[in-house]
N, C-alpha and C. Protein backbone atom coordinates (compact mmCIF):
# COMPACT_ATOMS: atom_id res chain seq x y z
N UNK A 1 -2.03 13.87 -11.84
CA UNK A 1 -1.57 13.35 -10.52
C UNK A 1 -0.50 14.40 -10.12
N UNK A 2 -0.77 15.11 -9.03
CA UNK A 2 0.28 16.09 -8.50
C UNK A 2 1.41 15.27 -7.98
N UNK A 3 2.62 16.11 -7.77
CA UNK A 3 3.76 15.49 -7.37
C UNK A 3 3.69 15.12 -5.89
N UNK A 4 2.93 15.88 -5.07
CA UNK A 4 2.90 15.53 -3.68
C UNK A 4 1.76 14.54 -3.23
N UNK A 5 1.06 14.01 -4.11
CA UNK A 5 0.12 12.98 -3.77
C UNK A 5 0.01 11.90 -4.78
N UNK A 6 -0.58 10.80 -4.45
CA UNK A 6 -0.71 9.62 -5.38
C UNK A 6 -2.17 9.10 -5.26
N UNK A 7 -2.57 8.57 -6.29
CA UNK A 7 -3.93 7.98 -6.25
C UNK A 7 -3.90 6.65 -7.15
N UNK A 8 -4.62 5.69 -6.76
CA UNK A 8 -4.91 4.53 -7.63
C UNK A 8 -6.22 3.79 -7.20
N UNK A 9 -6.67 3.02 -8.09
CA UNK A 9 -7.99 2.28 -8.00
C UNK A 9 -7.66 0.80 -8.14
N UNK A 10 -8.24 0.08 -7.19
CA UNK A 10 -8.11 -1.42 -7.27
C UNK A 10 -9.44 -2.05 -7.18
N UNK A 11 -9.71 -3.08 -8.10
CA UNK A 11 -8.91 -3.59 -9.17
C UNK A 11 -8.93 -2.77 -10.37
N UNK A 12 -7.96 -2.74 -11.15
CA UNK A 12 -7.80 -2.00 -12.43
C UNK A 12 -8.73 -2.87 -13.39
N UNK A 13 -9.23 -2.18 -14.35
CA UNK A 13 -10.21 -2.86 -15.25
C UNK A 13 -9.49 -3.97 -16.09
N UNK A 14 -8.24 -3.79 -16.28
CA UNK A 14 -7.59 -4.82 -17.16
C UNK A 14 -7.05 -6.09 -16.32
N UNK A 15 -7.22 -6.05 -14.99
CA UNK A 15 -6.75 -7.06 -14.06
C UNK A 15 -7.93 -7.96 -13.66
N UNK A 16 -7.97 -9.22 -14.14
CA UNK A 16 -9.08 -10.16 -13.74
C UNK A 16 -8.91 -10.81 -12.50
N UNK A 17 -7.73 -11.49 -12.33
CA UNK A 17 -7.45 -12.26 -11.11
C UNK A 17 -6.17 -11.78 -10.48
N UNK A 18 -6.12 -11.82 -9.08
CA UNK A 18 -5.01 -11.38 -8.33
C UNK A 18 -4.02 -12.55 -8.36
N UNK A 19 -2.69 -12.18 -8.03
CA UNK A 19 -1.70 -13.18 -7.97
C UNK A 19 -2.01 -14.29 -7.08
N UNK A 20 -2.38 -14.00 -5.85
CA UNK A 20 -2.71 -15.09 -4.87
C UNK A 20 -3.75 -15.98 -5.34
N UNK A 21 -4.81 -15.53 -5.98
CA UNK A 21 -5.81 -16.29 -6.57
C UNK A 21 -5.34 -17.20 -7.67
N UNK A 22 -4.54 -16.65 -8.54
CA UNK A 22 -3.92 -17.55 -9.57
C UNK A 22 -3.21 -18.68 -9.02
N UNK A 23 -2.26 -18.34 -8.03
CA UNK A 23 -1.41 -19.34 -7.39
C UNK A 23 -2.33 -20.55 -6.67
N UNK A 24 -3.21 -20.03 -5.95
CA UNK A 24 -4.22 -20.96 -5.30
C UNK A 24 -4.92 -21.95 -6.22
N UNK A 25 -5.50 -21.31 -7.36
CA UNK A 25 -6.31 -22.07 -8.38
C UNK A 25 -5.29 -22.95 -9.08
N UNK A 26 -4.14 -22.57 -9.34
CA UNK A 26 -3.17 -23.47 -10.08
C UNK A 26 -2.80 -24.69 -9.12
N UNK A 27 -2.57 -24.52 -7.84
CA UNK A 27 -2.24 -25.65 -6.98
C UNK A 27 -3.50 -26.51 -6.78
N UNK A 28 -4.77 -26.04 -6.66
CA UNK A 28 -5.90 -26.87 -6.67
C UNK A 28 -6.11 -27.71 -7.98
N UNK A 29 -5.78 -26.99 -9.10
CA UNK A 29 -5.94 -27.72 -10.43
C UNK A 29 -4.98 -28.89 -10.57
N UNK A 30 -3.73 -28.59 -10.05
CA UNK A 30 -2.69 -29.66 -10.06
C UNK A 30 -3.10 -30.82 -9.16
N UNK A 31 -3.60 -30.50 -8.01
CA UNK A 31 -4.09 -31.54 -7.06
C UNK A 31 -5.25 -32.31 -7.71
N UNK A 32 -6.19 -31.64 -8.35
CA UNK A 32 -7.29 -32.37 -9.06
C UNK A 32 -6.75 -33.24 -10.09
N UNK A 33 -5.74 -32.88 -10.89
CA UNK A 33 -5.20 -33.66 -11.95
C UNK A 33 -4.52 -34.97 -11.41
N UNK A 34 -3.71 -34.71 -10.34
CA UNK A 34 -3.02 -35.82 -9.62
C UNK A 34 -4.01 -36.86 -9.13
N UNK A 35 -5.00 -36.39 -8.37
CA UNK A 35 -5.99 -37.18 -7.79
C UNK A 35 -6.90 -37.91 -8.82
N UNK A 36 -7.31 -37.22 -9.80
CA UNK A 36 -8.07 -37.81 -10.94
C UNK A 36 -7.24 -38.93 -11.59
N UNK A 37 -6.01 -38.71 -11.86
CA UNK A 37 -5.10 -39.58 -12.47
C UNK A 37 -4.97 -40.84 -11.69
N UNK A 38 -4.76 -40.66 -10.40
CA UNK A 38 -4.63 -41.80 -9.49
C UNK A 38 -5.83 -42.67 -9.28
N UNK A 39 -7.01 -41.86 -9.39
CA UNK A 39 -8.30 -42.72 -9.36
C UNK A 39 -8.78 -43.42 -10.48
N UNK A 40 -8.72 -42.71 -11.60
CA UNK A 40 -9.16 -43.26 -12.88
C UNK A 40 -8.14 -44.02 -13.71
N UNK A 41 -6.84 -43.75 -13.43
CA UNK A 41 -5.76 -44.31 -14.20
C UNK A 41 -5.70 -44.04 -15.66
N UNK A 42 -6.45 -42.82 -15.99
CA UNK A 42 -6.44 -42.46 -17.40
C UNK A 42 -6.20 -40.95 -17.31
N UNK A 43 -5.31 -40.53 -18.14
CA UNK A 43 -5.01 -39.00 -18.36
C UNK A 43 -6.10 -38.22 -18.91
N UNK A 44 -6.88 -38.89 -19.79
CA UNK A 44 -8.11 -38.18 -20.33
C UNK A 44 -9.00 -37.61 -19.29
N UNK A 45 -9.41 -38.51 -18.26
CA UNK A 45 -10.35 -38.16 -17.31
C UNK A 45 -9.75 -36.96 -16.41
N UNK A 46 -8.50 -37.17 -16.09
CA UNK A 46 -7.67 -36.17 -15.34
C UNK A 46 -7.76 -34.81 -15.97
N UNK A 47 -7.34 -34.75 -17.27
CA UNK A 47 -7.48 -33.50 -17.98
C UNK A 47 -8.84 -32.92 -17.98
N UNK A 48 -9.90 -33.85 -18.23
CA UNK A 48 -11.27 -33.45 -18.40
C UNK A 48 -11.69 -32.78 -16.99
N UNK A 49 -11.43 -33.38 -15.87
CA UNK A 49 -11.88 -32.83 -14.54
C UNK A 49 -11.16 -31.51 -14.31
N UNK A 50 -9.83 -31.54 -14.58
CA UNK A 50 -9.15 -30.25 -14.40
C UNK A 50 -9.70 -29.11 -15.18
N UNK A 51 -9.90 -29.29 -16.47
CA UNK A 51 -10.50 -28.20 -17.31
C UNK A 51 -11.91 -27.89 -16.84
N UNK A 52 -12.61 -28.91 -16.45
CA UNK A 52 -13.89 -28.55 -15.92
C UNK A 52 -13.90 -27.64 -14.76
N UNK A 53 -12.97 -28.00 -13.75
CA UNK A 53 -12.73 -27.21 -12.54
C UNK A 53 -12.36 -25.82 -12.91
N UNK A 54 -11.38 -25.64 -13.83
CA UNK A 54 -11.02 -24.28 -14.22
C UNK A 54 -12.02 -23.58 -14.87
N UNK A 55 -12.81 -24.11 -15.74
CA UNK A 55 -13.91 -23.41 -16.47
C UNK A 55 -14.95 -23.06 -15.40
N UNK A 56 -15.32 -23.89 -14.49
CA UNK A 56 -16.25 -23.54 -13.51
C UNK A 56 -15.83 -22.31 -12.59
N UNK A 57 -14.56 -22.46 -12.23
CA UNK A 57 -13.98 -21.36 -11.37
C UNK A 57 -14.01 -20.01 -12.04
N UNK A 58 -13.51 -19.97 -13.39
CA UNK A 58 -13.47 -18.74 -14.02
C UNK A 58 -14.91 -18.15 -14.24
N UNK A 59 -15.89 -18.97 -14.57
CA UNK A 59 -17.29 -18.54 -14.71
C UNK A 59 -17.83 -17.89 -13.43
N UNK A 60 -17.69 -18.69 -12.32
CA UNK A 60 -18.13 -18.19 -10.98
C UNK A 60 -17.50 -17.00 -10.56
N UNK A 61 -16.20 -16.81 -10.65
CA UNK A 61 -15.45 -15.66 -10.43
C UNK A 61 -15.82 -14.48 -11.22
N UNK A 62 -16.03 -14.74 -12.46
CA UNK A 62 -16.55 -13.64 -13.30
C UNK A 62 -17.89 -13.15 -12.88
N UNK A 63 -18.74 -14.02 -12.54
CA UNK A 63 -20.14 -13.69 -12.19
C UNK A 63 -20.23 -12.89 -10.87
N UNK A 64 -19.32 -13.35 -9.90
CA UNK A 64 -19.11 -12.74 -8.58
C UNK A 64 -18.58 -11.34 -8.71
N UNK A 65 -17.53 -11.08 -9.55
CA UNK A 65 -17.06 -9.86 -9.72
C UNK A 65 -18.08 -8.91 -10.38
N UNK A 66 -18.98 -9.29 -11.30
CA UNK A 66 -19.93 -8.52 -11.90
C UNK A 66 -21.11 -8.18 -10.98
N UNK A 67 -21.44 -9.08 -10.08
CA UNK A 67 -22.59 -8.85 -9.14
C UNK A 67 -22.10 -7.92 -8.02
N UNK A 68 -21.00 -8.22 -7.45
CA UNK A 68 -20.50 -7.45 -6.30
C UNK A 68 -19.96 -6.06 -6.62
N UNK A 69 -19.29 -5.92 -7.88
CA UNK A 69 -18.78 -4.70 -8.33
C UNK A 69 -17.92 -3.89 -7.26
N UNK A 70 -17.05 -4.59 -6.63
CA UNK A 70 -16.16 -3.94 -5.60
C UNK A 70 -15.06 -3.16 -6.23
N UNK A 71 -14.89 -2.06 -5.66
CA UNK A 71 -13.73 -1.08 -6.07
C UNK A 71 -13.25 -0.42 -4.87
N UNK A 72 -11.89 -0.26 -4.83
CA UNK A 72 -11.23 0.61 -3.70
C UNK A 72 -10.39 1.61 -4.37
N UNK A 73 -10.56 2.85 -3.90
CA UNK A 73 -9.69 3.99 -4.48
C UNK A 73 -8.99 4.57 -3.27
N UNK A 74 -7.65 4.74 -3.58
CA UNK A 74 -6.86 5.25 -2.54
C UNK A 74 -6.32 6.67 -2.95
N UNK A 75 -6.20 7.51 -2.05
CA UNK A 75 -5.60 8.92 -2.18
C UNK A 75 -4.66 9.18 -1.07
N UNK A 76 -3.37 9.16 -1.41
CA UNK A 76 -2.41 9.46 -0.37
C UNK A 76 -1.77 10.92 -0.60
N UNK A 77 -1.81 11.67 0.45
CA UNK A 77 -1.17 12.97 0.46
C UNK A 77 -0.31 13.14 1.66
N UNK A 78 0.37 14.30 1.88
CA UNK A 78 1.33 14.35 3.00
C UNK A 78 0.62 14.24 4.31
N UNK A 79 -0.52 14.39 4.54
CA UNK A 79 -1.21 14.30 5.81
C UNK A 79 -2.09 13.10 6.10
N UNK A 80 -2.58 12.51 5.19
CA UNK A 80 -3.55 11.38 5.41
C UNK A 80 -3.57 10.50 4.17
N UNK A 81 -4.10 9.33 4.37
CA UNK A 81 -4.50 8.36 3.36
C UNK A 81 -5.97 8.22 3.36
N UNK A 82 -6.67 8.45 2.32
CA UNK A 82 -8.10 8.31 2.23
C UNK A 82 -8.49 7.02 1.43
N UNK A 83 -9.16 6.12 2.01
CA UNK A 83 -9.53 4.91 1.36
C UNK A 83 -11.04 4.78 1.19
N UNK A 84 -11.49 4.68 -0.09
CA UNK A 84 -12.89 4.71 -0.45
C UNK A 84 -13.20 3.31 -1.03
N UNK A 85 -14.03 2.52 -0.27
CA UNK A 85 -14.48 1.20 -0.60
C UNK A 85 -15.91 1.37 -1.18
N UNK A 86 -16.03 0.87 -2.50
CA UNK A 86 -17.31 0.98 -3.12
C UNK A 86 -17.81 -0.39 -3.54
N UNK A 87 -19.01 -0.65 -3.30
CA UNK A 87 -19.69 -1.85 -3.78
C UNK A 87 -20.90 -1.38 -4.59
N UNK A 88 -21.58 -2.30 -5.16
CA UNK A 88 -22.82 -1.83 -6.00
C UNK A 88 -23.77 -0.98 -5.12
N UNK A 89 -23.98 -1.28 -3.86
CA UNK A 89 -25.01 -0.66 -2.98
C UNK A 89 -24.46 0.40 -2.07
N UNK A 90 -23.20 0.38 -1.69
CA UNK A 90 -22.80 1.45 -0.72
C UNK A 90 -21.44 1.85 -1.02
N UNK A 91 -21.00 2.91 -0.25
CA UNK A 91 -19.66 3.41 -0.34
C UNK A 91 -19.29 3.81 0.98
N UNK A 92 -18.03 3.41 1.43
CA UNK A 92 -17.52 3.68 2.82
C UNK A 92 -16.21 4.42 2.60
N UNK A 93 -16.12 5.60 3.32
CA UNK A 93 -14.83 6.35 3.23
C UNK A 93 -14.07 6.23 4.55
N UNK A 94 -12.82 6.00 4.52
CA UNK A 94 -11.93 5.89 5.70
C UNK A 94 -10.79 6.96 5.51
N UNK A 95 -10.51 7.66 6.51
CA UNK A 95 -9.35 8.67 6.38
C UNK A 95 -8.39 8.12 7.53
N UNK A 96 -7.17 7.91 7.10
CA UNK A 96 -6.07 7.50 8.12
C UNK A 96 -5.01 8.50 8.10
N UNK A 97 -5.04 9.29 9.21
CA UNK A 97 -3.96 10.33 9.34
C UNK A 97 -2.61 9.63 9.34
N UNK A 98 -1.60 10.16 8.69
CA UNK A 98 -0.36 9.42 8.62
C UNK A 98 0.31 9.58 10.09
N UNK A 99 0.09 10.59 10.85
CA UNK A 99 0.64 10.56 12.14
C UNK A 99 0.19 9.58 13.01
N UNK A 100 -0.95 8.84 12.75
CA UNK A 100 -1.48 7.77 13.60
C UNK A 100 -1.03 6.35 13.16
N UNK A 101 -0.25 6.29 12.13
CA UNK A 101 0.26 4.99 11.63
C UNK A 101 1.50 4.56 12.61
N UNK A 102 1.23 3.37 13.15
CA UNK A 102 2.14 2.80 14.10
C UNK A 102 3.21 1.96 13.36
N UNK A 103 2.64 1.19 12.26
CA UNK A 103 3.54 0.29 11.53
C UNK A 103 2.81 0.00 10.17
N UNK A 104 3.57 -0.37 9.23
CA UNK A 104 3.07 -0.85 7.98
C UNK A 104 3.86 -1.93 7.41
N UNK A 105 3.26 -2.73 6.48
CA UNK A 105 3.84 -3.82 5.88
C UNK A 105 3.36 -3.98 4.46
N UNK A 106 4.25 -4.03 3.43
CA UNK A 106 3.83 -4.18 2.05
C UNK A 106 4.41 -5.57 1.45
N UNK A 107 3.77 -6.30 0.71
CA UNK A 107 4.14 -7.50 0.13
C UNK A 107 4.33 -7.27 -1.33
N UNK A 108 5.53 -7.29 -1.86
CA UNK A 108 5.82 -6.96 -3.26
C UNK A 108 5.44 -8.17 -4.11
N UNK A 109 5.34 -9.34 -3.68
CA UNK A 109 4.89 -10.50 -4.46
C UNK A 109 3.42 -10.53 -4.70
N UNK A 110 2.70 -10.52 -3.63
CA UNK A 110 1.14 -10.55 -3.79
C UNK A 110 0.61 -9.23 -3.87
N UNK A 111 1.32 -8.22 -3.91
CA UNK A 111 0.76 -6.87 -4.13
C UNK A 111 -0.26 -6.36 -3.20
N UNK A 112 0.05 -6.52 -1.95
CA UNK A 112 -0.93 -6.06 -0.91
C UNK A 112 -0.07 -5.61 0.30
N UNK A 113 -0.73 -5.19 1.37
CA UNK A 113 -0.18 -4.77 2.47
C UNK A 113 -1.27 -4.28 3.52
N UNK A 114 -0.71 -3.61 4.57
CA UNK A 114 -1.62 -3.02 5.62
C UNK A 114 -0.88 -1.85 6.30
N UNK A 115 -1.74 -0.95 6.81
CA UNK A 115 -1.26 0.07 7.72
C UNK A 115 -1.86 -0.17 9.06
N UNK A 116 -1.07 -0.14 10.10
CA UNK A 116 -1.50 -0.40 11.49
C UNK A 116 -1.63 0.86 12.31
N UNK A 117 -2.82 1.17 12.76
CA UNK A 117 -2.92 2.39 13.73
C UNK A 117 -3.50 1.84 15.01
N UNK A 118 -3.69 2.72 15.86
CA UNK A 118 -4.29 2.27 17.21
C UNK A 118 -5.77 1.75 17.07
N UNK A 119 -6.49 2.26 16.16
CA UNK A 119 -7.89 1.88 15.91
C UNK A 119 -7.94 0.49 15.34
N UNK A 120 -7.25 0.33 14.19
CA UNK A 120 -7.47 -0.91 13.28
C UNK A 120 -6.42 -1.13 12.38
N UNK A 121 -6.48 -2.21 11.58
CA UNK A 121 -5.54 -2.50 10.54
C UNK A 121 -6.29 -2.10 9.20
N UNK A 122 -5.65 -1.35 8.45
CA UNK A 122 -6.20 -0.89 7.08
C UNK A 122 -5.50 -1.67 5.95
N UNK A 123 -6.23 -2.41 5.25
CA UNK A 123 -5.73 -3.29 4.19
C UNK A 123 -5.49 -2.42 2.94
N UNK A 124 -4.48 -2.80 2.15
CA UNK A 124 -4.10 -2.10 0.96
C UNK A 124 -4.00 -3.13 -0.20
N UNK A 125 -4.44 -2.70 -1.32
CA UNK A 125 -4.32 -3.59 -2.53
C UNK A 125 -3.77 -2.79 -3.69
N UNK A 126 -2.88 -3.49 -4.40
CA UNK A 126 -2.23 -2.71 -5.62
C UNK A 126 -2.45 -3.61 -6.85
N UNK A 127 -2.40 -2.91 -7.98
CA UNK A 127 -2.57 -3.63 -9.34
C UNK A 127 -1.18 -4.09 -9.82
N UNK A 128 -0.16 -3.26 -9.59
CA UNK A 128 1.09 -3.51 -10.13
C UNK A 128 2.22 -3.29 -9.06
N UNK A 129 3.28 -3.85 -9.36
CA UNK A 129 4.57 -3.63 -8.50
C UNK A 129 4.96 -2.17 -8.48
N UNK A 130 4.81 -1.61 -9.57
CA UNK A 130 5.16 -0.09 -9.73
C UNK A 130 4.32 0.73 -8.74
N UNK A 131 3.00 0.40 -8.75
CA UNK A 131 2.17 1.28 -7.83
C UNK A 131 2.58 1.01 -6.38
N UNK A 132 2.83 -0.22 -6.08
CA UNK A 132 3.33 -0.50 -4.68
C UNK A 132 4.58 0.24 -4.27
N UNK A 133 5.61 0.21 -5.11
CA UNK A 133 6.92 0.82 -4.93
C UNK A 133 6.70 2.38 -4.89
N UNK A 134 5.85 2.98 -5.67
CA UNK A 134 5.65 4.38 -5.56
C UNK A 134 4.94 4.75 -4.34
N UNK A 135 3.91 3.99 -3.86
CA UNK A 135 3.32 4.24 -2.69
C UNK A 135 4.29 4.10 -1.49
N UNK A 136 5.11 2.98 -1.53
CA UNK A 136 6.09 2.90 -0.38
C UNK A 136 7.03 3.99 -0.43
N UNK A 137 7.43 4.45 -1.39
CA UNK A 137 8.53 5.65 -1.47
C UNK A 137 7.83 6.79 -0.89
N UNK A 138 6.60 7.15 -1.36
CA UNK A 138 5.93 8.32 -0.79
C UNK A 138 5.54 8.21 0.72
N UNK A 139 5.05 7.04 1.06
CA UNK A 139 4.73 6.79 2.45
C UNK A 139 5.97 7.05 3.34
N UNK A 140 7.02 6.37 3.04
CA UNK A 140 8.26 6.57 3.85
C UNK A 140 8.67 8.06 3.93
N UNK A 141 8.60 8.69 2.82
CA UNK A 141 8.95 10.12 2.69
C UNK A 141 8.04 10.93 3.70
N UNK A 142 6.64 10.71 3.65
CA UNK A 142 5.69 11.41 4.47
C UNK A 142 5.88 10.97 5.92
N UNK A 143 6.08 9.73 6.25
CA UNK A 143 6.28 9.31 7.58
C UNK A 143 7.47 9.77 8.24
N UNK A 144 8.58 9.87 7.41
CA UNK A 144 9.86 10.47 7.99
C UNK A 144 9.66 11.93 8.30
N UNK A 145 8.85 12.65 7.45
CA UNK A 145 8.55 14.03 7.76
C UNK A 145 7.72 14.21 8.91
N UNK A 146 6.78 13.36 9.18
CA UNK A 146 5.91 13.47 10.39
C UNK A 146 6.72 13.00 11.67
N UNK A 147 7.76 12.11 11.58
CA UNK A 147 8.51 11.82 12.66
C UNK A 147 9.44 13.01 13.07
N UNK A 148 9.94 13.72 12.13
CA UNK A 148 10.75 14.80 12.41
C UNK A 148 9.98 15.91 13.03
N UNK A 149 8.64 16.07 12.61
CA UNK A 149 7.74 17.14 13.16
C UNK A 149 7.39 16.71 14.71
N UNK A 150 7.23 15.54 14.92
CA UNK A 150 6.95 15.05 16.31
C UNK A 150 8.13 15.41 17.22
N UNK A 151 9.24 15.07 16.75
CA UNK A 151 10.54 15.24 17.69
C UNK A 151 10.76 16.67 17.89
N UNK A 152 10.45 17.59 16.94
CA UNK A 152 10.70 19.00 17.15
C UNK A 152 9.67 19.57 18.21
N UNK A 153 8.59 18.95 18.41
CA UNK A 153 7.49 19.53 19.37
C UNK A 153 7.95 19.25 20.74
């Protein structure tokens, strides 16, 4: 990886579930546990239904990931961001010139964000907080350089 550009692929092979997904499933599992406990008045059934829910969720999520085989690859350099979205059947390439970016927002907790241009909102996904911070540092550097070039003209 050269010093003036960065690249990453989402999802990484070692990451199975995203943070948002883990939090949502945890909350739903707790709600199932509380509801089952209040309905059956026995902790055994509450644990049984909660484990059953988690097992089904993990199985279905795994199967969906294998069938869809979605992958996004990002290439950021001083002039543009290229986003390549690949599924099992097709590939879509999008090039976002950095000078067309009007705003951007990155979420360090859920490891995502977006770039806003005149045409549309481009979603971004990261595997780790370090990837996000590195991208944010480079993006700010490149955007500040583009702003200086615009002012000089």
